[in-house]
Amino acid sequence: MNDVTALTIAEARERLRRREITAVELTDIYLAEIDKANAKINAYVSITGDQARHMAAKSDVLLAKGKERPLEGIPLGIKDLFATYDVHTQACSRILDGFRPNYESTVTANLWADGAVLLGKLNMDEFAMGSSNETSFYGPVINPWRRKGSATALVPGGSSGGSAAAVAAHLCAGATATDTGGSIRQPAAFTGTVGIKPTYGRCSRWGVIAFASSLDQAGPIARDVRDCAILLKSMASFDIKDSTSVDLPVPDYEAVLGKSVKGMKIGIPKEYQIDDMPKEIARLWSRGSECLKEAGAQIIDISMPHTKYALAAYYIVAPAEASSNLARYDGVRYGLRVSGKDIIEMYENTRSLGFGHEVKRRILIGTYVLSAGYYNAYYLKAQKVRTLIKRDFDQVFEQGIDAILTPVTPSAAFRIGDESLTQDPVAMYLNDIFTVTVNMAGLPGLSIPAGLSTEGLPLGLQLIGYPFGEEILFQLGHVMEKACGTFSPKKWW
């Protein structure tokens, strides 16, 4: 890896401000790395070289004048779910073939306003539906990590697999991502990166292609906790265009890093201790608890009795909302259109050929649970369970718990095309078992690399906070990061 691309955002920011490197030079180095690596990793589906250099040149003008903004000249990758003005935006789906929006998402507009540079659009599971980044119309992303002594291609996690892989392989300084049921935290855990799913409403959803509107939330994936804090500060904002956006001041998340966590109460939920949990995940969890205890935090056993229903409820609520959101893709206004003898056949042909298998599966599930005769039995009941899950969290935090510590995933990254998962949707969905509760309750969750598996693959731990408690998560995550270290893959690409 190039020494310059190994710099964190915080380090690159200082080098740029001291004029030790220019923004154009930094951008060119990243573009050269992408050019060499992308054919092997498949992290980018669109590379915006000319636009990146133009943005970097503007940053150099401001840097020379001493008028730099918070992210001046920092090259970022953007998940293909975020609308970027006149740039490829397809949610990695054939049905949005050729779509280039004439508007910008609020999150990316915030990043450009703070001086960041767009390197390109990142691969992802189609419409963010997947846990392995294998459902993309553009093919799977390859995890930069490999098992010891093996060349077997591994998944980077999903749906933000391109974001996580690009950050881990140093093909961008940081990336945007989204999390509907774990799609920031699981890829971060699989690639040794840091990712935060903020509180629902902390980042605007305007201009982000919808999967499940009551669950989706944008957030960053980065090299370390500090970089995540820096990115979230720029991404988060109140937005009048998003009715779910919350009008609260955005804290300086970076300012809390290094503060003591002495006296904080960390909850360990017994319901997350599943029967078939791998021993290395259990050991990792125990070691994470010890790290926080040694830093002065109190470790307290807690109970969240409705956790066992979360995965089933999630896979009713999310497909139901997806069925509604994806009804707009009909071949009439934009994207793919496959002709037919009449408008009904045109709709059918377009949606049949435009959507991939996983997206069609979830649309069918969602349409079924919303249909007459099943709405009360499935969807309404799942929403009631969701309320109980949220109440479990509320009661825990009312008891004075500052954060909850859990695993992120039930295993390390698995191989691409693993038939035990690709042929069994339920087995694949179980990868979200530790993450979906956070989305169902609208809470913030931070994934931190905490160690390596026996095969040399990264494993992550998750810190869950109360609403808008991201500062505490960064504070605790920074302590864990110092104790556990950071991890980078050995370059093979």
Protein backbone atom coordinates (compact mmCIF):
# COMPACT_ATOMS: atom_id res chain seq x y z
CA MET A 1 0.00 0.00 0.00
CA ASN A 2 1.17 3.52 -0.76
CA ASP A 3 2.49 5.32 2.34
CA VAL A 4 0.30 8.33 1.60
CA THR A 5 -2.89 6.27 1.29
CA ALA A 6 -2.04 4.65 4.64
CA LEU A 7 -2.65 8.03 6.33
CA THR A 8 -5.82 8.33 8.37
CA ILE A 9 -8.13 11.25 7.64
CA ALA A 10 -6.79 13.03 10.73
CA GLU A 11 -3.19 12.52 9.56
CA ALA A 12 -3.92 13.52 5.96
CA ARG A 13 -5.75 16.61 7.21
CA GLU A 14 -2.62 17.76 9.05
CA ARG A 15 -0.32 17.00 6.10
CA LEU A 16 -2.58 19.02 3.81
CA ARG A 17 -2.78 21.96 6.21
CA ARG A 18 0.99 22.03 6.61
CA ARG A 19 1.27 21.94 2.79
CA GLU A 20 3.43 18.82 2.92
CA ILE A 21 1.20 17.41 0.18
CA THR A 22 -1.41 19.02 -2.04
CA ALA A 23 -4.99 17.87 -2.39
CA VAL A 24 -4.44 17.18 -6.09
CA GLU A 25 -1.40 15.02 -5.31
CA LEU A 26 -3.32 13.10 -2.67
CA THR A 27 -6.25 12.58 -5.03
CA ASP A 28 -4.00 11.43 -7.87
CA ILE A 29 -2.31 8.89 -5.61
CA TYR A 30 -5.69 7.44 -4.57
CA LEU A 31 -6.90 7.34 -8.19
CA ALA A 32 -3.72 5.48 -9.17
CA GLU A 33 -4.31 2.93 -6.39
CA ILE A 34 -7.91 2.46 -7.52
CA ASP A 35 -6.74 1.96 -11.11
CA LYS A 36 -4.36 -0.82 -9.98
CA ALA A 37 -6.66 -2.57 -7.52
CA ASN A 38 -10.28 -2.19 -8.55
CA ALA A 39 -10.30 -4.97 -11.15
CA LYS A 40 -9.38 -7.39 -8.33
CA ILE A 41 -11.49 -5.99 -5.48
CA ASN A 42 -14.44 -4.54 -7.45
CA ALA A 43 -15.11 -1.88 -4.82
CA TYR A 44 -15.95 0.94 -7.26
CA VAL A 45 -18.71 0.82 -9.87
CA SER A 46 -17.94 4.34 -11.13
CA ILE A 47 -14.71 6.35 -10.84
CA THR A 48 -14.95 10.14 -11.12
CA GLY A 49 -11.31 11.04 -11.82
CA ASP A 50 -11.83 14.36 -13.59
CA GLN A 51 -14.37 15.58 -11.05
CA ALA A 52 -12.10 14.50 -8.18
CA ARG A 53 -9.15 16.46 -9.55
CA HIS A 54 -11.36 19.51 -10.10
CA MET A 55 -12.62 19.37 -6.51
CA ALA A 56 -9.09 18.82 -5.19
CA ALA A 57 -7.79 21.83 -7.13
CA LYS A 58 -10.44 24.02 -5.46
CA SER A 59 -9.33 22.64 -2.09
CA ASP A 60 -5.71 23.56 -2.82
CA VAL A 61 -6.76 27.17 -3.45
CA LEU A 62 -8.48 27.35 -0.07
CA LEU A 63 -5.63 25.54 1.71
CA ALA A 64 -3.13 28.01 0.27
CA LYS A 65 -5.22 30.88 1.64
CA GLY A 66 -5.55 29.25 5.07
CA LYS A 67 -9.31 29.05 4.63
CA GLU A 68 -9.62 25.28 4.74
CA ARG A 69 -12.86 23.58 5.73
CA PRO A 70 -13.10 20.54 8.06
CA LEU A 71 -12.57 17.91 5.31
CA GLU A 72 -10.60 20.03 2.86
CA GLY A 73 -9.01 17.84 0.19
CA ILE A 74 -9.92 14.49 1.81
CA PRO A 75 -10.75 11.87 -0.89
CA LEU A 76 -13.86 9.82 -0.13
CA GLY A 77 -15.80 6.98 -1.72
CA ILE A 78 -19.61 7.20 -1.80
CA LYS A 79 -21.94 4.23 -1.58
CA ASP A 80 -24.03 3.91 -4.75
CA LEU A 81 -27.19 4.48 -2.68
CA PHE A 82 -26.47 8.22 -2.31
CA ALA A 83 -27.63 10.52 -5.08
CA THR A 84 -24.69 12.46 -6.55
CA TYR A 85 -25.44 15.18 -9.07
CA ASP A 86 -25.00 13.96 -12.68
CA VAL A 87 -22.98 10.95 -11.47
CA HIS A 88 -23.86 7.25 -11.70
CA THR A 89 -26.47 6.47 -8.98
CA GLN A 90 -28.08 3.07 -9.41
CA ALA A 91 -28.20 1.31 -6.01
CA CYS A 92 -26.19 -1.32 -7.95
CA SER A 93 -29.39 -2.43 -9.67
CA ARG A 94 -30.09 -2.95 -13.35
CA ILE A 95 -33.50 -1.31 -12.97
CA LEU A 96 -31.83 2.09 -12.47
CA ASP A 97 -29.66 1.61 -15.55
CA GLY A 98 -28.19 4.93 -16.71
CA PHE A 99 -29.74 7.01 -13.92
CA ARG A 100 -27.79 10.20 -13.19
CA PRO A 101 -29.75 12.42 -10.79
CA ASN A 102 -30.05 16.18 -11.19
CA TYR A 103 -29.89 16.61 -7.41
CA GLU A 104 -27.51 15.82 -4.56
CA SER A 105 -28.24 13.91 -1.35
CA THR A 106 -28.07 16.03 1.79
CA VAL A 107 -25.32 13.86 3.30
CA THR A 108 -23.01 14.17 0.28
CA ALA A 109 -23.83 17.87 -0.09
CA ASN A 110 -22.67 18.30 3.52
CA LEU A 111 -19.41 16.50 2.74
CA TRP A 112 -18.69 18.61 -0.35
CA ALA A 113 -19.54 21.78 1.62
CA ASP A 114 -16.85 20.72 4.12
CA GLY A 115 -14.27 20.27 1.35
CA ALA A 116 -14.27 16.51 0.72
CA VAL A 117 -13.35 15.09 -2.72
CA LEU A 118 -15.47 12.53 -4.63
CA LEU A 119 -13.37 9.60 -5.90
CA GLY A 120 -16.34 7.59 -7.17
CA LYS A 121 -19.35 5.45 -6.34
CA LEU A 122 -18.93 2.26 -4.35
CA ASN A 123 -20.35 -1.21 -4.94
CA MET A 124 -23.09 -2.57 -2.67
CA ASP A 125 -25.78 -5.22 -2.45
CA GLU A 126 -28.63 -4.34 -4.81
CA PHE A 127 -30.89 -1.78 -3.10
CA ALA A 128 -28.91 -2.53 0.11
CA MET A 129 -30.51 -5.98 0.36
CA GLY A 130 -27.87 -8.47 1.40
CA SER A 131 -25.28 -9.44 3.99
CA SER A 132 -22.38 -10.33 1.69
CA ASN A 133 -22.29 -7.89 -1.26
CA GLU A 134 -23.09 -10.75 -3.63
CA THR A 135 -26.43 -9.38 -4.89
CA SER A 136 -24.95 -6.40 -6.77
CA PHE A 137 -25.69 -6.13 -10.49
CA TYR A 138 -21.97 -5.35 -10.86
CA GLY A 139 -20.81 -8.56 -9.20
CA PRO A 140 -19.47 -9.26 -5.73
CA VAL A 141 -16.91 -7.16 -3.90
CA ILE A 142 -13.82 -9.09 -2.81
CA ASN A 143 -12.70 -8.67 0.81
CA PRO A 144 -9.08 -7.40 0.98
CA TRP A 145 -8.55 -9.88 3.84
CA ARG A 146 -7.71 -13.54 3.24
CA ARG A 147 -7.45 -16.52 5.55
CA LYS A 148 -3.95 -17.54 6.57
CA GLY A 149 -2.35 -19.54 3.77
CA SER A 150 -5.40 -19.30 1.51
CA ALA A 151 -6.25 -17.44 -1.68
CA THR A 152 -9.99 -18.10 -1.37
CA ALA A 153 -12.04 -14.97 -2.07
CA LEU A 154 -14.07 -13.84 0.95
CA VAL A 155 -17.10 -11.57 1.21
CA PRO A 156 -16.63 -8.08 2.71
CA GLY A 157 -20.10 -8.15 4.28
CA GLY A 158 -23.11 -6.24 3.12
CA SER A 159 -24.76 -4.23 2.07
CA SER A 160 -21.97 -1.62 2.33
CA GLY A 161 -19.30 -4.08 1.20
CA GLY A 162 -17.77 -1.72 -1.35
CA SER A 163 -17.41 1.00 1.28
CA ALA A 164 -15.75 -1.32 3.80
CA ALA A 165 -13.46 -2.98 1.25
CA ALA A 166 -12.35 0.36 -0.23
CA VAL A 167 -11.48 1.72 3.21
CA ALA A 168 -9.65 -1.47 4.25
CA ALA A 169 -7.70 -1.64 0.98
CA HIS A 170 -6.83 2.09 1.22
CA LEU A 171 -8.72 2.96 -1.96
CA CYS A 172 -10.30 5.95 -0.21
CA ALA A 173 -9.63 7.79 3.03
CA GLY A 174 -13.16 7.10 4.25
CA ALA A 175 -16.57 6.22 2.86
CA THR A 176 -20.27 6.80 3.27
CA ALA A 177 -22.48 3.81 3.98
CA THR A 178 -26.01 3.00 5.10
CA ASP A 179 -27.36 0.65 7.75
CA THR A 180 -30.86 -0.87 7.66
CA GLY A 181 -30.17 -4.02 9.70
CA GLY A 182 -26.41 -4.03 10.14
CA SER A 183 -25.12 -2.89 6.75
CA ILE A 184 -22.47 -0.56 8.22
CA ARG A 185 -21.46 -2.58 11.26
CA GLN A 186 -21.22 -6.06 9.72
CA PRO A 187 -18.98 -5.04 6.76
CA ALA A 188 -16.82 -3.01 9.16
CA ALA A 189 -16.38 -6.10 11.36
CA PHE A 190 -15.52 -8.29 8.35
CA THR A 191 -12.85 -5.88 7.07
CA GLY A 192 -11.17 -4.60 10.24
CA THR A 193 -12.59 -1.09 9.83
CA VAL A 194 -14.70 1.13 12.09
CA GLY A 195 -18.31 1.93 11.27
CA ILE A 196 -21.10 3.72 13.08
CA LYS A 197 -24.82 3.47 12.50
CA PRO A 198 -26.05 6.76 14.02
CA THR A 199 -29.35 7.30 15.81
CA TYR A 200 -32.30 7.29 13.42
CA GLY A 201 -32.77 10.91 12.36
CA ARG A 202 -29.18 12.01 13.03
CA CYS A 203 -28.30 12.02 9.30
CA SER A 204 -30.74 13.09 6.61
CA ARG A 205 -32.19 10.36 4.39
CA TRP A 206 -33.05 12.87 1.65
CA GLY A 207 -31.44 11.78 -1.61
CA VAL A 208 -30.61 8.31 -0.27
CA ILE A 209 -32.38 5.59 -2.27
CA ALA A 210 -34.84 3.98 0.15
CA PHE A 211 -34.87 0.34 1.23
CA ALA A 212 -36.91 0.41 4.48
CA SER A 213 -37.66 3.99 5.42
CA SER A 214 -38.19 3.51 9.16
CA LEU A 215 -34.91 1.58 9.49
CA ASP A 216 -32.45 3.17 7.01
CA GLN A 217 -29.75 5.44 8.37
CA ALA A 218 -26.58 6.84 6.80
CA GLY A 219 -23.21 6.70 8.52
CA PRO A 220 -19.47 6.48 7.85
CA ILE A 221 -16.94 3.66 7.57
CA ALA A 222 -13.34 4.66 8.29
CA ARG A 223 -9.89 3.41 9.37
CA ASP A 224 -10.26 4.24 13.05
CA VAL A 225 -12.58 5.75 15.63
CA ARG A 226 -11.23 9.31 15.21
CA ASP A 227 -11.84 9.25 11.46
CA CYS A 228 -15.37 7.96 12.03
CA ALA A 229 -16.01 10.83 14.44
CA ILE A 230 -14.65 13.36 11.94
CA LEU A 231 -16.85 12.04 9.12
CA LEU A 232 -20.04 11.82 11.17
CA LYS A 233 -19.63 15.44 12.27
CA SER A 234 -19.79 16.49 8.62
CA MET A 235 -22.46 14.01 7.50
CA ALA A 236 -24.97 14.73 10.27
CA SER A 237 -27.38 17.66 10.11
CA PHE A 238 -30.98 18.68 10.48
CA ASP A 239 -32.73 18.70 7.11
CA ILE A 240 -36.12 20.30 6.50
CA LYS A 241 -36.48 18.06 3.40
CA ASP A 242 -36.49 14.92 5.59
CA SER A 243 -39.45 14.71 7.98
CA THR A 244 -37.59 12.10 10.09
CA SER A 245 -34.53 14.32 10.53
CA VAL A 246 -34.10 15.49 14.13
CA ASP A 247 -33.41 19.15 14.88
CA LEU A 248 -30.60 18.79 17.42
CA PRO A 249 -27.13 20.37 17.43
CA VAL A 250 -24.40 18.12 16.02
CA PRO A 251 -21.68 17.68 18.67
CA ASP A 252 -17.94 17.79 18.03
CA TYR A 253 -17.52 14.03 18.29
CA GLU A 254 -13.75 14.21 17.99
CA ALA A 255 -13.53 16.32 21.17
CA VAL A 256 -14.57 13.41 23.42
CA LEU A 257 -11.80 11.09 22.29
CA GLY A 258 -9.28 10.42 25.04
CA LYS A 259 -11.66 11.24 27.88
CA SER A 260 -11.84 8.80 30.78
CA VAL A 261 -14.58 6.19 30.85
CA LYS A 262 -14.13 5.54 34.56
CA GLY A 263 -17.46 4.87 36.27
CA MET A 264 -19.40 4.26 33.06
CA LYS A 265 -21.79 1.31 33.21
CA ILE A 266 -21.57 -1.20 30.35
CA GLY A 267 -24.39 -3.68 29.91
CA ILE A 268 -23.80 -7.28 28.75
CA PRO A 269 -27.12 -8.74 27.54
CA LYS A 270 -27.51 -12.43 28.36
CA GLU A 271 -29.84 -12.94 25.38
CA TYR A 272 -26.97 -12.28 22.95
CA GLN A 273 -25.12 -15.32 24.33
CA ILE A 274 -26.60 -17.65 21.73
CA ASP A 275 -26.26 -21.42 22.12
CA ASP A 276 -24.07 -22.07 19.07
CA MET A 277 -21.85 -18.99 19.43
CA PRO A 278 -18.30 -19.81 18.22
CA LYS A 279 -15.76 -19.92 21.04
CA GLU A 280 -13.58 -17.24 19.43
CA ILE A 281 -16.53 -14.82 19.33
CA ALA A 282 -17.27 -15.52 23.01
CA ARG A 283 -13.58 -14.98 23.90
CA LEU A 284 -13.51 -11.73 21.93
CA TRP A 285 -16.60 -10.48 23.75
CA SER A 286 -15.08 -11.38 27.12
CA ARG A 287 -11.80 -9.68 26.22
CA GLY A 288 -13.66 -6.52 25.18
CA SER A 289 -15.42 -6.46 28.53
CA GLU A 290 -12.09 -6.81 30.32
CA CYS A 291 -10.59 -3.92 28.30
CA LEU A 292 -13.39 -1.60 29.41
CA LYS A 293 -13.22 -2.88 32.98
CA GLU A 294 -9.48 -2.18 33.10
CA ALA A 295 -10.22 1.35 31.88
CA GLY A 296 -12.49 1.90 34.89
CA ALA A 297 -15.91 1.01 33.49
CA GLN A 298 -18.36 -1.19 35.36
CA ILE A 299 -19.55 -4.35 33.61
CA ILE A 300 -23.17 -5.19 34.42
CA ASP A 301 -25.24 -8.17 33.28
CA ILE A 302 -28.56 -7.10 31.76
CA SER A 303 -31.59 -8.77 30.23
CA MET A 304 -33.41 -7.86 27.03
CA PRO A 305 -36.07 -10.56 26.81
CA HIS A 306 -37.55 -9.66 23.43
CA THR A 307 -34.23 -9.90 21.57
CA LYS A 308 -35.07 -13.44 20.43
CA TYR A 309 -37.95 -12.13 18.33
CA ALA A 310 -35.97 -9.33 16.66
CA LEU A 311 -34.68 -11.12 13.57
CA ALA A 312 -38.10 -12.54 12.65
CA ALA A 313 -39.81 -9.19 13.21
CA TYR A 314 -37.13 -7.37 11.21
CA TYR A 315 -37.57 -9.67 8.21
CA ILE A 316 -41.25 -8.80 8.17
CA VAL A 317 -40.97 -5.03 8.66
CA ALA A 318 -38.04 -4.45 6.28
CA PRO A 319 -39.45 -6.36 3.27
CA ALA A 320 -42.86 -4.76 3.80
CA GLU A 321 -41.35 -1.29 3.56
CA ALA A 322 -39.16 -2.39 0.64
CA SER A 323 -42.23 -3.63 -1.24
CA SER A 324 -43.79 -0.20 -0.89
CA ASN A 325 -40.63 1.79 -1.68
CA LEU A 326 -39.69 -0.25 -4.75
CA ALA A 327 -43.15 -0.01 -6.30
CA ARG A 328 -42.01 3.22 -7.99
CA TYR A 329 -39.59 1.38 -10.30
CA ASP A 330 -41.85 0.62 -13.22
CA GLY A 331 -39.92 1.61 -16.37
CA VAL A 332 -42.01 4.74 -16.95
CA ARG A 333 -40.01 7.68 -15.61
CA TYR A 334 -36.35 6.64 -15.40
CA GLY A 335 -33.97 3.72 -15.54
CA LEU A 336 -34.57 0.43 -17.37
CA ARG A 337 -37.60 -0.05 -19.61
CA VAL A 338 -38.37 -3.43 -21.21
CA SER A 339 -41.16 -3.14 -23.77
CA GLY A 340 -44.31 -5.27 -23.86
CA LYS A 341 -47.55 -5.50 -25.79
CA ASP A 342 -49.22 -3.14 -23.32
CA ILE A 343 -48.35 -1.09 -20.24
CA ILE A 344 -49.03 -3.97 -17.82
CA GLU A 345 -46.63 -6.27 -19.68
CA MET A 346 -44.09 -3.45 -19.82
CA TYR A 347 -44.29 -3.13 -16.02
CA GLU A 348 -43.92 -6.88 -15.58
CA ASN A 349 -41.02 -7.24 -18.01
CA THR A 350 -39.16 -4.27 -16.58
CA ARG A 351 -39.44 -5.39 -12.97
CA SER A 352 -38.75 -9.04 -13.79
CA LEU A 353 -35.52 -8.27 -15.65
CA GLY A 354 -34.56 -5.16 -13.68
CA PHE A 355 -34.51 -6.62 -10.16
CA GLY A 356 -32.20 -9.38 -8.97
CA HIS A 357 -33.33 -12.55 -7.17
CA GLU A 358 -32.85 -11.27 -3.61
CA VAL A 359 -34.70 -8.02 -4.25
CA LYS A 360 -37.59 -9.89 -5.88
CA ARG A 361 -37.67 -12.31 -2.93
CA ARG A 362 -38.02 -9.45 -0.46
CA ILE A 363 -40.63 -7.65 -2.56
CA LEU A 364 -42.70 -10.84 -2.62
CA ILE A 365 -42.35 -11.34 1.13
CA GLY A 366 -43.24 -7.71 1.78
CA THR A 367 -46.24 -7.74 -0.53
CA TYR A 368 -47.48 -10.94 1.13
CA VAL A 369 -47.28 -9.64 4.71
CA LEU A 370 -49.07 -6.44 3.71
CA SER A 371 -51.85 -8.22 1.84
CA ALA A 372 -55.44 -8.51 3.02
CA GLY A 373 -55.80 -11.27 5.57
CA TYR A 374 -52.11 -11.28 6.52
CA TYR A 375 -51.49 -7.66 7.54
CA ASN A 376 -52.70 -8.24 11.12
CA ALA A 377 -51.10 -11.68 11.44
CA TYR A 378 -47.66 -10.59 10.30
CA TYR A 379 -46.93 -6.89 9.78
CA LEU A 380 -49.00 -5.50 12.64
CA LYS A 381 -47.69 -8.15 15.03
CA ALA A 382 -44.07 -7.44 13.96
CA GLN A 383 -44.59 -3.75 14.71
CA LYS A 384 -45.86 -4.64 18.19
CA VAL A 385 -42.74 -6.76 18.76
CA ARG A 386 -40.65 -3.82 17.57
CA THR A 387 -42.23 -1.68 20.29
CA LEU A 388 -41.33 -4.29 22.90
CA ILE A 389 -37.73 -4.40 21.66
CA LYS A 390 -37.50 -0.63 21.96
CA ARG A 391 -38.96 -0.83 25.48
CA ASP A 392 -36.27 -3.37 26.49
CA PHE A 393 -33.59 -0.84 25.53
CA ASP A 394 -35.42 2.03 27.23
CA GLN A 395 -35.63 0.11 30.49
CA VAL A 396 -31.94 -0.78 30.38
CA PHE A 397 -30.87 2.82 29.83
CA GLU A 398 -33.28 4.03 32.53
CA GLN A 399 -31.32 1.82 34.94
CA GLY A 400 -28.24 3.96 34.32
CA ILE A 401 -26.49 1.83 31.69
CA ASP A 402 -24.32 4.06 29.48
CA ALA A 403 -23.76 1.59 26.63
CA ILE A 404 -24.25 -2.06 25.74
CA LEU A 405 -21.43 -4.31 24.49
CA THR A 406 -22.16 -7.19 22.09
CA PRO A 407 -20.54 -9.06 19.20
CA VAL A 408 -21.23 -7.69 15.71
CA THR A 409 -21.33 -10.96 13.76
CA PRO A 410 -21.62 -14.66 14.60
CA SER A 411 -18.47 -15.43 12.56
CA ALA A 412 -15.61 -13.96 10.58
CA ALA A 413 -15.97 -13.30 6.83
CA PHE A 414 -17.07 -16.33 4.81
CA ARG A 415 -16.18 -17.31 1.27
CA ILE A 416 -17.95 -15.92 -1.76
CA GLY A 417 -20.51 -18.35 -3.14
CA ASP A 418 -20.82 -20.37 0.06
CA GLU A 419 -23.75 -22.63 -0.88
CA SER A 420 -24.81 -23.17 2.72
CA LEU A 421 -25.69 -19.45 2.73
CA THR A 422 -26.52 -18.59 -0.88
CA GLN A 423 -28.98 -21.51 -1.15
CA ASP A 424 -30.54 -20.84 2.25
CA PRO A 425 -31.78 -17.26 2.70
CA VAL A 426 -32.55 -17.79 6.38
CA ALA A 427 -28.96 -18.90 7.05
CA MET A 428 -27.73 -15.73 5.32
CA TYR A 429 -30.17 -13.58 7.30
CA LEU A 430 -28.75 -14.98 10.56
CA ASN A 431 -25.64 -12.88 9.91
CA ASP A 432 -27.75 -9.94 11.14
CA ILE A 433 -28.69 -11.57 14.43
CA PHE A 434 -26.67 -9.16 16.62
CA THR A 435 -27.36 -5.99 14.61
CA VAL A 436 -31.05 -5.73 13.69
CA THR A 437 -32.23 -4.79 17.20
CA VAL A 438 -30.37 -1.47 16.92
CA ASN A 439 -32.29 -0.52 13.77
CA MET A 440 -35.61 -1.71 15.17
CA ALA A 441 -35.10 0.59 18.17
CA GLY A 442 -33.55 3.47 16.18
CA LEU A 443 -30.39 3.52 18.33
CA PRO A 444 -26.74 4.24 17.53
CA GLY A 445 -24.31 1.32 17.17
CA LEU A 446 -20.52 1.42 16.70
CA SER A 447 -18.49 -1.49 15.29
CA ILE A 448 -14.84 -1.63 16.41
CA PRO A 449 -12.19 -4.13 15.29
CA ALA A 450 -11.32 -6.11 18.43
CA GLY A 451 -9.11 -8.97 17.31
CA LEU A 452 -8.34 -11.63 14.72
CA SER A 453 -9.86 -15.08 14.30
CA THR A 454 -7.77 -18.24 14.42
CA GLU A 455 -7.62 -17.97 10.62
CA GLY A 456 -6.25 -14.42 10.80
CA LEU A 457 -9.49 -12.61 9.88
CA PRO A 458 -10.80 -9.50 11.67
CA LEU A 459 -13.57 -9.74 14.24
CA GLY A 460 -15.57 -6.84 15.66
CA LEU A 461 -17.41 -5.82 18.78
CA GLN A 462 -20.43 -3.53 18.91
CA LEU A 463 -21.22 -0.72 21.31
CA ILE A 464 -24.91 0.25 21.44
CA GLY A 465 -25.93 3.60 22.89
CA TYR A 466 -29.06 5.45 23.91
CA PRO A 467 -30.66 7.87 21.40
CA PHE A 468 -28.15 10.49 20.25
CA GLY A 469 -25.50 8.98 22.53
CA GLU A 470 -22.89 8.75 19.77
CA GLU A 471 -20.38 10.75 21.83
CA ILE A 472 -20.29 8.06 24.53
CA LEU A 473 -19.84 5.35 21.88
CA PHE A 474 -16.86 7.19 20.37
CA GLN A 475 -15.42 7.74 23.85
CA LEU A 476 -15.69 4.04 24.72
CA GLY A 477 -14.68 2.90 21.25
CA HIS A 478 -11.49 4.95 21.41
CA VAL A 479 -10.54 3.25 24.68
CA MET A 480 -11.17 -0.19 23.15
CA GLU A 481 -9.21 0.73 20.03
CA LYS A 482 -6.17 1.70 22.08
CA ALA A 483 -6.37 -1.62 23.93
CA CYS A 484 -7.06 -3.83 20.91
CA GLY A 485 -5.13 -1.97 18.18
CA THR A 486 -6.00 -1.45 14.55
CA PHE A 487 -5.78 -4.01 11.78
CA SER A 488 -4.85 -3.92 8.08
CA PRO A 489 -4.87 -6.73 5.51
CA LYS A 490 -1.69 -7.99 3.86
CA LYS A 491 -1.66 -6.67 0.31
CA TRP A 492 -2.24 -9.28 -2.42
CA TRP A 493 -3.97 -7.15 -5.04
